[in-house]
PDB file of all heavy atoms in Angstrom:
ATOM      1  N   PRO A   1      54.754  43.021 114.221  1.00  0.00           N
ATOM      2  CA  PRO A   1      55.578  43.584 113.147  1.00  0.00           C
ATOM      3  C   PRO A   1      56.930  42.895 113.091  1.00  0.00           C
ATOM      4  O   PRO A   1      57.511  42.557 114.106  1.00  0.00           O
ATOM      5  CB  PRO A   1      55.709  45.059 113.514  1.00  0.00           C
ATOM      6  CG  PRO A   1      55.403  45.133 114.962  1.00  0.00           C
ATOM      7  CD  PRO A   1      54.494  43.973 115.275  1.00  0.00           C
ATOM      8  N   ASP A   2      57.416  42.684 111.904  1.00  0.00           N
ATOM      9  CA  ASP A   2      58.721  42.087 111.694  1.00  0.00           C
ATOM     10  C   ASP A   2      59.775  43.177 111.810  1.00  0.00           C
ATOM     11  O   ASP A   2      59.695  44.201 111.143  1.00  0.00           O
ATOM     12  CB  ASP A   2      58.765  41.440 110.306  1.00  0.00           C
ATOM     13  CG  ASP A   2      60.058  40.702 110.043  1.00  0.00           C
ATOM     14  OD1 ASP A   2      60.820  40.481 111.012  1.00  0.00           O
ATOM     15  OD2 ASP A   2      60.304  40.352 108.884  1.00  0.00           O
ATOM     16  N   ALA A   3      60.775  42.987 112.655  1.00  0.00           N
ATOM     17  CA  ALA A   3      61.792  44.014 112.893  1.00  0.00           C
ATOM     18  C   ALA A   3      62.809  44.085 111.761  1.00  0.00           C
ATOM     19  O   ALA A   3      63.481  45.079 111.593  1.00  0.00           O
ATOM     20  CB  ALA A   3      62.504  43.746 114.214  1.00  0.00           C
ATOM     21  N   THR A   4      62.944  43.060 110.986  1.00  0.00           N
ATOM     22  CA  THR A   4      63.979  43.017 109.958  1.00  0.00           C
ATOM     23  C   THR A   4      63.821  44.115 108.907  1.00  0.00           C
ATOM     24  O   THR A   4      64.780  44.824 108.626  1.00  0.00           O
ATOM     25  CB  THR A   4      64.017  41.634 109.295  1.00  0.00           C
ATOM     26  OG1 THR A   4      64.151  40.668 110.323  1.00  0.00           O
ATOM     27  CG2 THR A   4      65.163  41.521 108.336  1.00  0.00           C
ATOM     28  N   PRO A   5      62.645  44.336 108.298  1.00  0.00           N
ATOM     29  CA  PRO A   5      62.551  45.412 107.299  1.00  0.00           C
ATOM     30  C   PRO A   5      62.843  46.782 107.889  1.00  0.00           C
ATOM     31  O   PRO A   5      63.454  47.616 107.238  1.00  0.00           O
ATOM     32  CB  PRO A   5      61.114  45.324 106.798  1.00  0.00           C
ATOM     33  CG  PRO A   5      60.677  43.944 107.097  1.00  0.00           C
ATOM     34  CD  PRO A   5      61.429  43.554 108.346  1.00  0.00           C
ATOM     35  N   THR A   6      62.420  47.032 109.133  1.00  0.00           N
ATOM     36  CA  THR A   6      62.674  48.327 109.754  1.00  0.00           C
ATOM     37  C   THR A   6      64.168  48.539 109.935  1.00  0.00           C
ATOM     38  O   THR A   6      64.688  49.609 109.670  1.00  0.00           O
ATOM     39  CB  THR A   6      61.965  48.410 111.119  1.00  0.00           C
ATOM     40  OG1 THR A   6      60.597  48.106 110.931  1.00  0.00           O
ATOM     41  CG2 THR A   6      62.113  49.770 111.739  1.00  0.00           C
ATOM     42  N   THR A   7      64.854  47.498 110.384  1.00  0.00           N
ATOM     43  CA  THR A   7      66.294  47.615 110.571  1.00  0.00           C
ATOM     44  C   THR A   7      66.988  47.847 109.250  1.00  0.00           C
ATOM     45  O   THR A   7      67.877  48.683 109.144  1.00  0.00           O
ATOM     46  CB  THR A   7      66.849  46.335 111.232  1.00  0.00           C
ATOM     47  OG1 THR A   7      66.120  46.116 112.438  1.00  0.00           O
ATOM     48  CG2 THR A   7      68.316  46.476 111.567  1.00  0.00           C
ATOM     49  N   ARG A   8      66.595  47.137 108.238  1.00  0.00           N
ATOM     50  CA  ARG A   8      67.207  47.320 106.927  1.00  0.00           C
ATOM     51  C   ARG A   8      66.932  48.713 106.374  1.00  0.00           C
ATOM     52  O   ARG A   8      67.752  49.271 105.684  1.00  0.00           O
ATOM     53  CB  ARG A   8      66.682  46.272 105.947  1.00  0.00           C
ATOM     54  CG  ARG A   8      67.431  44.986 106.049  1.00  0.00           C
ATOM     55  CD  ARG A   8      67.083  44.087 104.891  1.00  0.00           C
ATOM     56  NE  ARG A   8      66.938  42.747 105.418  1.00  0.00           N
ATOM     57  CZ  ARG A   8      65.997  41.908 105.110  1.00  0.00           C
ATOM     58  NH1 ARG A   8      65.080  42.228 104.235  1.00  0.00           N
ATOM     59  NH2 ARG A   8      65.939  40.724 105.640  1.00  0.00           N
ATOM     60  N   GLN A   9      65.782  49.262 106.667  1.00  0.00           N
ATOM     61  CA  GLN A   9      65.440  50.585 106.136  1.00  0.00           C
ATOM     62  C   GLN A   9      66.096  51.699 106.926  1.00  0.00           C
ATOM     63  O   GLN A   9      66.221  52.797 106.422  1.00  0.00           O
ATOM     64  CB  GLN A   9      63.927  50.768 106.137  1.00  0.00           C
ATOM     65  CG  GLN A   9      63.229  49.877 105.138  1.00  0.00           C
ATOM     66  CD  GLN A   9      61.718  49.974 105.242  1.00  0.00           C
ATOM     67  OE1 GLN A   9      61.196  50.679 106.096  1.00  0.00           O
ATOM     68  NE2 GLN A   9      61.016  49.266 104.388  1.00  0.00           N
ATOM     69  N   ALA A  10      66.535  51.450 108.150  1.00  0.00           N
ATOM     70  CA  ALA A  10      67.153  52.488 108.964  1.00  0.00           C
ATOM     71  C   ALA A  10      68.584  52.775 108.533  1.00  0.00           C
ATOM     72  O   ALA A  10      69.072  53.883 108.695  1.00  0.00           O
ATOM     73  CB  ALA A  10      67.121  52.095 110.436  1.00  0.00           C
ATOM     74  N   PHE A  11      69.273  51.776 107.977  1.00  0.00           N
ATOM     75  CA  PHE A  11      70.660  51.915 107.569  1.00  0.00           C
ATOM     76  C   PHE A  11      70.803  51.592 106.090  1.00  0.00           C
ATOM     77  O   PHE A  11      70.144  50.703 105.578  1.00  0.00           O
ATOM     78  CB  PHE A  11      71.565  50.964 108.366  1.00  0.00           C
ATOM     79  CG  PHE A  11      71.449  51.120 109.841  1.00  0.00           C
ATOM     80  CD1 PHE A  11      70.779  50.184 110.593  1.00  0.00           C
ATOM     81  CD2 PHE A  11      72.011  52.208 110.486  1.00  0.00           C
ATOM     82  CE1 PHE A  11      70.664  50.323 111.962  1.00  0.00           C
ATOM     83  CE2 PHE A  11      71.901  52.359 111.852  1.00  0.00           C
ATOM     84  CZ  PHE A  11      71.229  51.416 112.598  1.00  0.00           C
ATOM     85  N   LEU A  12      71.685  52.327 105.420  1.00  0.00           N
ATOM     86  CA  LEU A  12      71.935  52.087 104.009  1.00  0.00           C
ATOM     87  C   LEU A  12      73.418  51.831 103.783  1.00  0.00           C
ATOM     88  O   LEU A  12      74.265  52.481 104.404  1.00  0.00           O
ATOM     89  CB  LEU A  12      71.507  53.295 103.168  1.00  0.00           C
ATOM     90  CG  LEU A  12      70.036  53.650 103.169  1.00  0.00           C
ATOM     91  CD1 LEU A  12      69.809  54.928 102.368  1.00  0.00           C
ATOM     92  CD2 LEU A  12      69.196  52.522 102.620  1.00  0.00           C
ATOM     93  N   SER A  13      73.723  50.925 102.882  1.00  0.00           N
ATOM     94  CA  SER A  13      75.105  50.705 102.468  1.00  0.00           C
ATOM     95  C   SER A  13      75.540  51.884 101.601  1.00  0.00           C
ATOM     96  O   SER A  13      74.727  52.748 101.240  1.00  0.00           O
ATOM     97  CB  SER A  13      75.209  49.400 101.685  1.00  0.00           C
ATOM     98  OG  SER A  13      74.495  49.535 100.465  1.00  0.00           O
ATOM     99  N   VAL A  14      76.807  51.904 101.239  1.00  0.00           N
ATOM    100  CA  VAL A  14      77.314  52.983 100.387  1.00  0.00           C
ATOM    101  C   VAL A  14      76.555  53.011  99.064  1.00  0.00           C
ATOM    102  O   VAL A  14      76.132  54.070  98.596  1.00  0.00           O
ATOM    103  CB  VAL A  14      78.832  52.828 100.143  1.00  0.00           C
ATOM    104  CG1 VAL A  14      79.324  53.852  99.136  1.00  0.00           C
ATOM    105  CG2 VAL A  14      79.586  52.968 101.448  1.00  0.00           C
ATOM    106  N   LYS A  15      76.358  51.839  98.480  1.00  0.00           N
ATOM    107  CA  LYS A  15      75.652  51.769  97.193  1.00  0.00           C
ATOM    108  C   LYS A  15      74.226  52.289  97.326  1.00  0.00           C
ATOM    109  O   LYS A  15      73.766  53.095  96.502  1.00  0.00           O
ATOM    110  CB  LYS A  15      75.638  50.322  96.712  1.00  0.00           C
ATOM    111  CG  LYS A  15      74.938  50.118  95.407  1.00  0.00           C
ATOM    112  CD  LYS A  15      74.923  48.651  95.015  1.00  0.00           C
ATOM    113  CE  LYS A  15      74.078  48.445  93.773  1.00  0.00           C
ATOM    114  NZ  LYS A  15      73.917  47.043  93.449  1.00  0.00           N
ATOM    115  N   ASP A  16      73.520  51.863  98.380  1.00  0.00           N
ATOM    116  CA  ASP A  16      72.135  52.294  98.567  1.00  0.00           C
ATOM    117  C   ASP A  16      72.053  53.775  98.931  1.00  0.00           C
ATOM    118  O   ASP A  16      71.148  54.480  98.487  1.00  0.00           O
ATOM    119  CB  ASP A  16      71.451  51.444  99.641  1.00  0.00           C
ATOM    120  CG  ASP A  16      71.287  49.993  99.217  1.00  0.00           C
ATOM    121  OD1 ASP A  16      71.243  49.726  97.994  1.00  0.00           O
ATOM    122  OD2 ASP A  16      71.226  49.125 100.098  1.00  0.00           O
ATOM    123  N   ALA A  17      72.987  54.252  99.738  1.00  0.00           N
ATOM    124  CA  ALA A  17      73.000  55.673 100.097  1.00  0.00           C
ATOM    125  C   ALA A  17      73.269  56.534  98.869  1.00  0.00           C
ATOM    126  O   ALA A  17      72.660  57.593  98.695  1.00  0.00           O
ATOM    127  CB  ALA A  17      74.044  55.936 101.176  1.00  0.00           C
ATOM    128  N   ALA A  18      74.174  56.061  98.021  1.00  0.00           N
ATOM    129  CA  ALA A  18      74.468  56.804  96.788  1.00  0.00           C
ATOM    130  C   ALA A  18      73.228  56.876  95.904  1.00  0.00           C
ATOM    131  O   ALA A  18      72.909  57.931  95.349  1.00  0.00           O
ATOM    132  CB  ALA A  18      75.624  56.141  96.041  1.00  0.00           C
ATOM    133  N   GLU A  19      72.526  55.771  95.796  1.00  0.00           N
ATOM    134  CA  GLU A  19      71.289  55.760  95.005  1.00  0.00           C
ATOM    135  C   GLU A  19      70.241  56.678  95.628  1.00  0.00           C
ATOM    136  O   GLU A  19      69.561  57.417  94.928  1.00  0.00           O
ATOM    137  CB  GLU A  19      70.758  54.330  94.912  1.00  0.00           C
ATOM    138  CG  GLU A  19      69.542  54.203  94.021  1.00  0.00           C
ATOM    139  CD  GLU A  19      69.078  52.761  93.899  1.00  0.00           C
ATOM    140  OE1 GLU A  19      69.932  51.867  93.877  1.00  0.00           O
ATOM    141  OE2 GLU A  19      67.855  52.559  93.836  1.00  0.00           O
ATOM    142  N   TYR A  20      70.136  56.660  96.957  1.00  0.00           N
ATOM    143  CA  TYR A  20      69.183  57.503  97.682  1.00  0.00           C
ATOM    144  C   TYR A  20      69.456  58.986  97.424  1.00  0.00           C
ATOM    145  O   TYR A  20      68.537  59.777  97.265  1.00  0.00           O
ATOM    146  CB  TYR A  20      69.290  57.187  99.180  1.00  0.00           C
ATOM    147  CG  TYR A  20      68.303  57.893 100.066  1.00  0.00           C
ATOM    148  CD1 TYR A  20      66.986  57.452 100.169  1.00  0.00           C
ATOM    149  CD2 TYR A  20      68.687  58.984 100.836  1.00  0.00           C
ATOM    150  CE1 TYR A  20      66.081  58.082 100.997  1.00  0.00           C
ATOM    151  CE2 TYR A  20      67.787  59.625 101.668  1.00  0.00           C
ATOM    152  CZ  TYR A  20      66.485  59.172 101.748  1.00  0.00           C
ATOM    153  OH  TYR A  20      65.586  59.801 102.578  1.00  0.00           O
ATOM    154  N   LEU A  21      70.750  59.350  97.365  1.00  0.00           N
ATOM    155  CA  LEU A  21      71.138  60.750  97.158  1.00  0.00           C
ATOM    156  C   LEU A  21      71.272  61.134  95.689  1.00  0.00           C
ATOM    157  O   LEU A  21      71.456  62.301  95.365  1.00  0.00           O
ATOM    158  CB  LEU A  21      72.468  61.027  97.873  1.00  0.00           C
ATOM    159  CG  LEU A  21      72.460  60.919  99.391  1.00  0.00           C
ATOM    160  CD1 LEU A  21      73.877  61.006  99.932  1.00  0.00           C
ATOM    161  CD2 LEU A  21      71.573  61.990  99.999  1.00  0.00           C
ATOM    162  N   GLY A  22      71.223  60.144  94.807  1.00  0.00           N
ATOM    163  CA  GLY A  22      71.389  60.424  93.391  1.00  0.00           C
ATOM    164  C   GLY A  22      72.838  60.691  93.012  1.00  0.00           C
ATOM    165  O   GLY A  22      73.120  61.478  92.107  1.00  0.00           O
ATOM    166  N   LEU A  23      73.762  60.037  93.718  1.00  0.00           N
ATOM    167  CA  LEU A  23      75.191  60.202  93.484  1.00  0.00           C
ATOM    168  C   LEU A  23      75.808  58.862  93.124  1.00  0.00           C
ATOM    169  O   LEU A  23      75.161  57.826  93.230  1.00  0.00           O
ATOM    170  CB  LEU A  23      75.871  60.736  94.752  1.00  0.00           C
ATOM    171  CG  LEU A  23      75.365  62.053  95.310  1.00  0.00           C
ATOM    172  CD1 LEU A  23      75.929  62.283  96.696  1.00  0.00           C
ATOM    173  CD2 LEU A  23      75.740  63.185  94.388  1.00  0.00           C
ATOM    174  N   SER A  24      77.073  58.885  92.778  1.00  0.00           N
ATOM    175  CA  SER A  24      77.775  57.625  92.552  1.00  0.00           C
ATOM    176  C   SER A  24      78.391  57.164  93.879  1.00  0.00           C
ATOM    177  O   SER A  24      78.735  57.994  94.728  1.00  0.00           O
ATOM    178  CB  SER A  24      78.869  57.791  91.500  1.00  0.00           C
ATOM    179  OG  SER A  24      79.961  58.493  92.044  1.00  0.00           O
ATOM    180  N   PRO A  25      78.550  55.854  94.065  1.00  0.00           N
ATOM    181  CA  PRO A  25      79.223  55.365  95.280  1.00  0.00           C
ATOM    182  C   PRO A  25      80.640  55.932  95.406  1.00  0.00           C
ATOM    183  O   PRO A  25      81.106  56.208  96.510  1.00  0.00           O
ATOM    184  CB  PRO A  25      79.246  53.843  95.098  1.00  0.00           C
ATOM    185  CG  PRO A  25      78.099  53.553  94.193  1.00  0.00           C
ATOM    186  CD  PRO A  25      78.011  54.747  93.265  1.00  0.00           C
ATOM    187  N   HIS A  26      81.315  56.128  94.274  1.00  0.00           N
ATOM    188  CA  HIS A  26      82.665  56.686  94.315  1.00  0.00           C
ATOM    189  C   HIS A  26      82.673  58.080  94.954  1.00  0.00           C
ATOM    190  O   HIS A  26      83.578  58.403  95.737  1.00  0.00           O
ATOM    191  CB  HIS A  26      83.248  56.750  92.895  1.00  0.00           C
ATOM    192  CG  HIS A  26      84.622  57.338  92.853  1.00  0.00           C
ATOM    193  ND1 HIS A  26      85.730  56.665  93.308  1.00  0.00           N
ATOM    194  CD2 HIS A  26      85.052  58.550  92.431  1.00  0.00           C
ATOM    195  CE1 HIS A  26      86.787  57.439  93.165  1.00  0.00           C
ATOM    196  NE2 HIS A  26      86.407  58.584  92.627  1.00  0.00           N
ATOM    197  N   THR A  27      81.677  58.882  94.644  1.00  0.00           N
ATOM    198  CA  THR A  27      81.578  60.218  95.239  1.00  0.00           C
ATOM    199  C   THR A  27      81.485  60.118  96.753  1.00  0.00           C
ATOM    200  O   THR A  27      82.167  60.849  97.475  1.00  0.00           O
ATOM    201  CB  THR A  27      80.363  60.978  94.679  1.00  0.00           C
ATOM    202  OG1 THR A  27      80.530  61.136  93.272  1.00  0.00           O
ATOM    203  CG2 THR A  27      80.206  62.342  95.330  1.00  0.00           C
ATOM    204  N   LEU A  28      80.658  59.201  97.253  1.00  0.00           N
ATOM    205  CA  LEU A  28      80.534  59.041  98.711  1.00  0.00           C
ATOM    206  C   LEU A  28      81.860  58.577  99.324  1.00  0.00           C
ATOM    207  O   LEU A  28      82.233  59.024 100.413  1.00  0.00           O
ATOM    208  CB  LEU A  28      79.422  58.059  99.059  1.00  0.00           C
ATOM    209  CG  LEU A  28      78.003  58.597  98.879  1.00  0.00           C
ATOM    210  CD1 LEU A  28      76.978  57.538  99.265  1.00  0.00           C
ATOM    211  CD2 LEU A  28      77.779  59.857  99.697  1.00  0.00           C
ATOM    212  N   TYR A  29      82.570  57.675  98.653  1.00  0.00           N
ATOM    213  CA  TYR A  29      83.862  57.226  99.171  1.00  0.00           C
ATOM    214  C   TYR A  29      84.861  58.383  99.228  1.00  0.00           C
ATOM    215  O   TYR A  29      85.599  58.536 100.199  1.00  0.00           O
ATOM    216  CB  TYR A  29      84.426  56.091  98.316  1.00  0.00           C
ATOM    217  CG  TYR A  29      83.855  54.743  98.655  1.00  0.00           C
ATOM    218  CD1 TYR A  29      83.151  54.015  97.714  1.00  0.00           C
ATOM    219  CD2 TYR A  29      84.028  54.178  99.925  1.00  0.00           C
ATOM    220  CE1 TYR A  29      82.624  52.770  98.016  1.00  0.00           C
ATOM    221  CE2 TYR A  29      83.504  52.937 100.239  1.00  0.00           C
ATOM    222  CZ  TYR A  29      82.806  52.238  99.283  1.00  0.00           C
ATOM    223  OH  TYR A  29      82.293  51.009  99.590  1.00  0.00           O
ATOM    224  N   VAL A  30      84.870  59.222  98.192  1.00  0.00           N
ATOM    225  CA  VAL A  30      85.781  60.375  98.170  1.00  0.00           C
ATOM    226  C   VAL A  30      85.411  61.346  99.284  1.00  0.00           C
ATOM    227  O   VAL A  30      86.289  61.831 100.022  1.00  0.00           O
ATOM    228  CB  VAL A  30      85.767  61.071  96.786  1.00  0.00           C
ATOM    229  CG1 VAL A  30      86.497  62.398  96.824  1.00  0.00           C
ATOM    230  CG2 VAL A  30      86.361  60.147  95.735  1.00  0.00           C
ATOM    231  N   TRP A  31      84.140  61.647  99.427  1.00  0.00           N
ATOM    232  CA  TRP A  31      83.704  62.556 100.487  1.00  0.00           C
ATOM    233  C   TRP A  31      84.069  62.000 101.859  1.00  0.00           C
ATOM    234  O   TRP A  31      84.492  62.740 102.735  1.00  0.00           O
ATOM    235  CB  TRP A  31      82.202  62.799 100.408  1.00  0.00           C
ATOM    236  CG  TRP A  31      81.780  63.724  99.313  1.00  0.00           C
ATOM    237  CD1 TRP A  31      82.580  64.450  98.486  1.00  0.00           C
ATOM    238  CD2 TRP A  31      80.441  64.027  98.928  1.00  0.00           C
ATOM    239  NE1 TRP A  31      81.818  65.173  97.606  1.00  0.00           N
ATOM    240  CE2 TRP A  31      80.505  64.951  97.860  1.00  0.00           C
ATOM    241  CE3 TRP A  31      79.202  63.617  99.374  1.00  0.00           C
ATOM    242  CZ2 TRP A  31      79.374  65.453  97.245  1.00  0.00           C
ATOM    243  CZ3 TRP A  31      78.068  64.121  98.767  1.00  0.00           C
ATOM    244  CH2 TRP A  31      78.160  65.036  97.713  1.00  0.00           C
ATOM    245  N   ARG A  32      83.894  60.700 102.054  1.00  0.00           N
ATOM    246  CA  ARG A  32      84.229  60.089 103.347  1.00  0.00           C
ATOM    247  C   ARG A  32      85.728  60.229 103.602  1.00  0.00           C
ATOM    248  O   ARG A  32      86.150  60.554 104.706  1.00  0.00           O
ATOM    249  CB  ARG A  32      83.800  58.632 103.367  1.00  0.00           C
ATOM    250  CG  ARG A  32      84.115  57.925 104.667  1.00  0.00           C
ATOM    251  CD  ARG A  32      83.521  56.524 104.680  1.00  0.00           C
ATOM    252  NE  ARG A  32      84.070  55.709 105.724  1.00  0.00           N
ATOM    253  CZ  ARG A  32      83.702  55.764 106.986  1.00  0.00           C
ATOM    254  NH1 ARG A  32      82.750  56.596 107.361  1.00  0.00           N
ATOM    255  NH2 ARG A  32      84.255  54.988 107.894  1.00  0.00           N
ATOM    256  N   HIS A  33      86.535  59.988 102.584  1.00  0.00           N
ATOM    257  CA  HIS A  33      87.988  60.112 102.721  1.00  0.00           C
ATOM    258  C   HIS A  33      88.388  61.546 103.070  1.00  0.00           C
ATOM    259  O   HIS A  33      89.287  61.767 103.889  1.00  0.00           O
ATOM    260  CB  HIS A  33      88.666  59.670 101.424  1.00  0.00           C
ATOM    261  CG  HIS A  33      90.147  59.842 101.439  1.00  0.00           C
ATOM    262  ND1 HIS A  33      90.982  59.031 102.175  1.00  0.00           N
ATOM    263  CD2 HIS A  33      90.941  60.749 100.815  1.00  0.00           C
ATOM    264  CE1 HIS A  33      92.227  59.435 102.001  1.00  0.00           C
ATOM    265  NE2 HIS A  33      92.234  60.469 101.174  1.00  0.00           N
ATOM    266  N   ARG A  34      87.700  62.513 102.481  1.00  0.00           N
ATOM    267  CA  ARG A  34      88.001  63.930 102.737  1.00  0.00           C
ATOM    268  C   ARG A  34      87.300  64.468 103.980  1.00  0.00           C
ATOM    269  O   ARG A  34      87.442  65.644 104.314  1.00  0.00           O
ATOM    270  CB  ARG A  34      87.576  64.773 101.538  1.00  0.00           C
ATOM    271  CG  ARG A  34      88.406  64.496 100.315  1.00  0.00           C
ATOM    272  CD  ARG A  34      87.955  65.329  99.153  1.00  0.00           C
ATOM    273  NE  ARG A  34      88.744  65.043  97.971  1.00  0.00           N
ATOM    274  CZ  ARG A  34      88.455  65.488  96.767  1.00  0.00           C
ATOM    275  NH1 ARG A  34      87.404  66.259  96.579  1.00  0.00           N
ATOM    276  NH2 ARG A  34      89.207  65.158  95.752  1.00  0.00           N
ATOM    277  N   ARG A  35      86.524  63.613 104.633  1.00  0.00           N
ATOM    278  CA  ARG A  35      85.764  63.969 105.854  1.00  0.00           C
ATOM    279  C   ARG A  35      84.749  65.077 105.604  1.00  0.00           C
ATOM    280  O   ARG A  35      84.581  65.992 106.393  1.00  0.00           O
ATOM    281  CB  ARG A  35      86.699  64.339 106.991  1.00  0.00           C
ATOM    282  CG  ARG A  35      87.638  63.217 107.382  1.00  0.00           C
ATOM    283  CD  ARG A  35      88.321  63.504 108.684  1.00  0.00           C
ATOM    284  NE  ARG A  35      89.345  62.531 108.993  1.00  0.00           N
ATOM    285  CZ  ARG A  35      89.126  61.328 109.511  1.00  0.00           C
ATOM    286  NH1 ARG A  35      87.913  60.944 109.755  1.00  0.00           N
ATOM    287  NH2 ARG A  35      90.119  60.518 109.775  1.00  0.00           N
ATOM    288  N   ASN A  36      84.075  65.009 104.459  1.00  0.00           N
ATOM    289  CA  ASN A  36      82.930  65.885 104.219  1.00  0.00           C
ATOM    290  C   ASN A  36      81.814  65.035 103.635  1.00  0.00           C
ATOM    291  O   ASN A  36      81.979  63.834 103.453  1.00  0.00           O
ATOM    292  CB  ASN A  36      83.285  67.087 103.343  1.00  0.00           C
ATOM    293  CG  ASN A  36      83.825  66.705 101.990  1.00  0.00           C
ATOM    294  OD1 ASN A  36      83.823  65.550 101.613  1.00  0.00           O
ATOM    295  ND2 ASN A  36      84.311  67.676 101.255  1.00  0.00           N
ATOM    296  N   GLY A  37      80.698  65.623 103.387  1.00  0.00           N
ATOM    297  CA  GLY A  37      79.559  64.838 102.927  1.00  0.00           C
ATOM    298  C   GLY A  37      78.741  64.346 104.112  1.00  0.00           C
ATOM    299  O   GLY A  37      78.958  64.749 105.254  1.00  0.00           O
ATOM    300  N   PRO A  38      77.776  63.478 103.859  1.00  0.00           N
ATOM    301  CA  PRO A  38      76.903  63.007 104.941  1.00  0.00           C
ATOM    302  C   PRO A  38      77.669  62.127 105.931  1.00  0.00           C
ATOM    303  O   PRO A  38      78.632  61.450 105.555  1.00  0.00           O
ATOM    304  CB  PRO A  38      75.832  62.199 104.201  1.00  0.00           C
ATOM    305  CG  PRO A  38      76.426  61.833 102.902  1.00  0.00           C
ATOM    306  CD  PRO A  38      77.409  62.912 102.566  1.00  0.00           C
ATOM    307  N   PRO A  39      77.253  62.140 107.206  1.00  0.00           N
ATOM    308  CA  PRO A  39      77.941  61.328 108.210  1.00  0.00           C
ATOM    309  C   PRO A  39      77.737  59.835 107.959  1.00  0.00           C
ATOM    310  O   PRO A  39      76.651  59.399 107.586  1.00  0.00           O
ATOM    311  CB  PRO A  39      77.305  61.768 109.533  1.00  0.00           C
ATOM    312  CG  PRO A  39      76.004  62.368 109.167  1.00  0.00           C
ATOM    313  CD  PRO A  39      76.157  62.916 107.778  1.00  0.00           C
ATOM    314  N   SER A  40      78.812  59.073 108.175  1.00  0.00           N
ATOM    315  CA  SER A  40      78.764  57.628 107.997  1.00  0.00           C
ATOM    316  C   SER A  40      79.518  56.979 109.144  1.00  0.00           C
ATOM    317  O   SER A  40      80.183  57.658 109.927  1.00  0.00           O
ATOM    318  CB  SER A  40      79.396  57.240 106.667  1.00  0.00           C
ATOM    319  OG  SER A  40      80.738  57.662 106.622  1.00  0.00           O
ATOM    320  N   PHE A  41      79.421  55.670 109.235  1.00  0.00           N
ATOM    321  CA  PHE A  41      80.121  54.935 110.288  1.00  0.00           C
ATOM    322  C   PHE A  41      80.352  53.509 109.815  1.00  0.00           C
ATOM    323  O   PHE A  41      79.770  53.070 108.827  1.00  0.00           O
ATOM    324  CB  PHE A  41      79.311  54.950 111.596  1.00  0.00           C
ATOM    325  CG  PHE A  41      77.968  54.288 111.475  1.00  0.00           C
ATOM    326  CD1 PHE A  41      77.800  52.966 111.860  1.00  0.00           C
ATOM    327  CD2 PHE A  41      76.885  54.976 110.958  1.00  0.00           C
ATOM    328  CE1 PHE A  41      76.558  52.344 111.732  1.00  0.00           C
ATOM    329  CE2 PHE A  41      75.644  54.368 110.833  1.00  0.00           C
ATOM    330  CZ  PHE A  41      75.482  53.040 111.223  1.00  0.00           C
TER     331      PHE A  41
END
């Protein structure tokens, strides 16, 4: 098995996470700034 697709699927960028949740990337940035919303790093 190729490890690259698994690694890419385990983590999402802000844009991809926003798409996954059905939100805008700006919403995730605001939530991160306010320390609420889904955990990020």
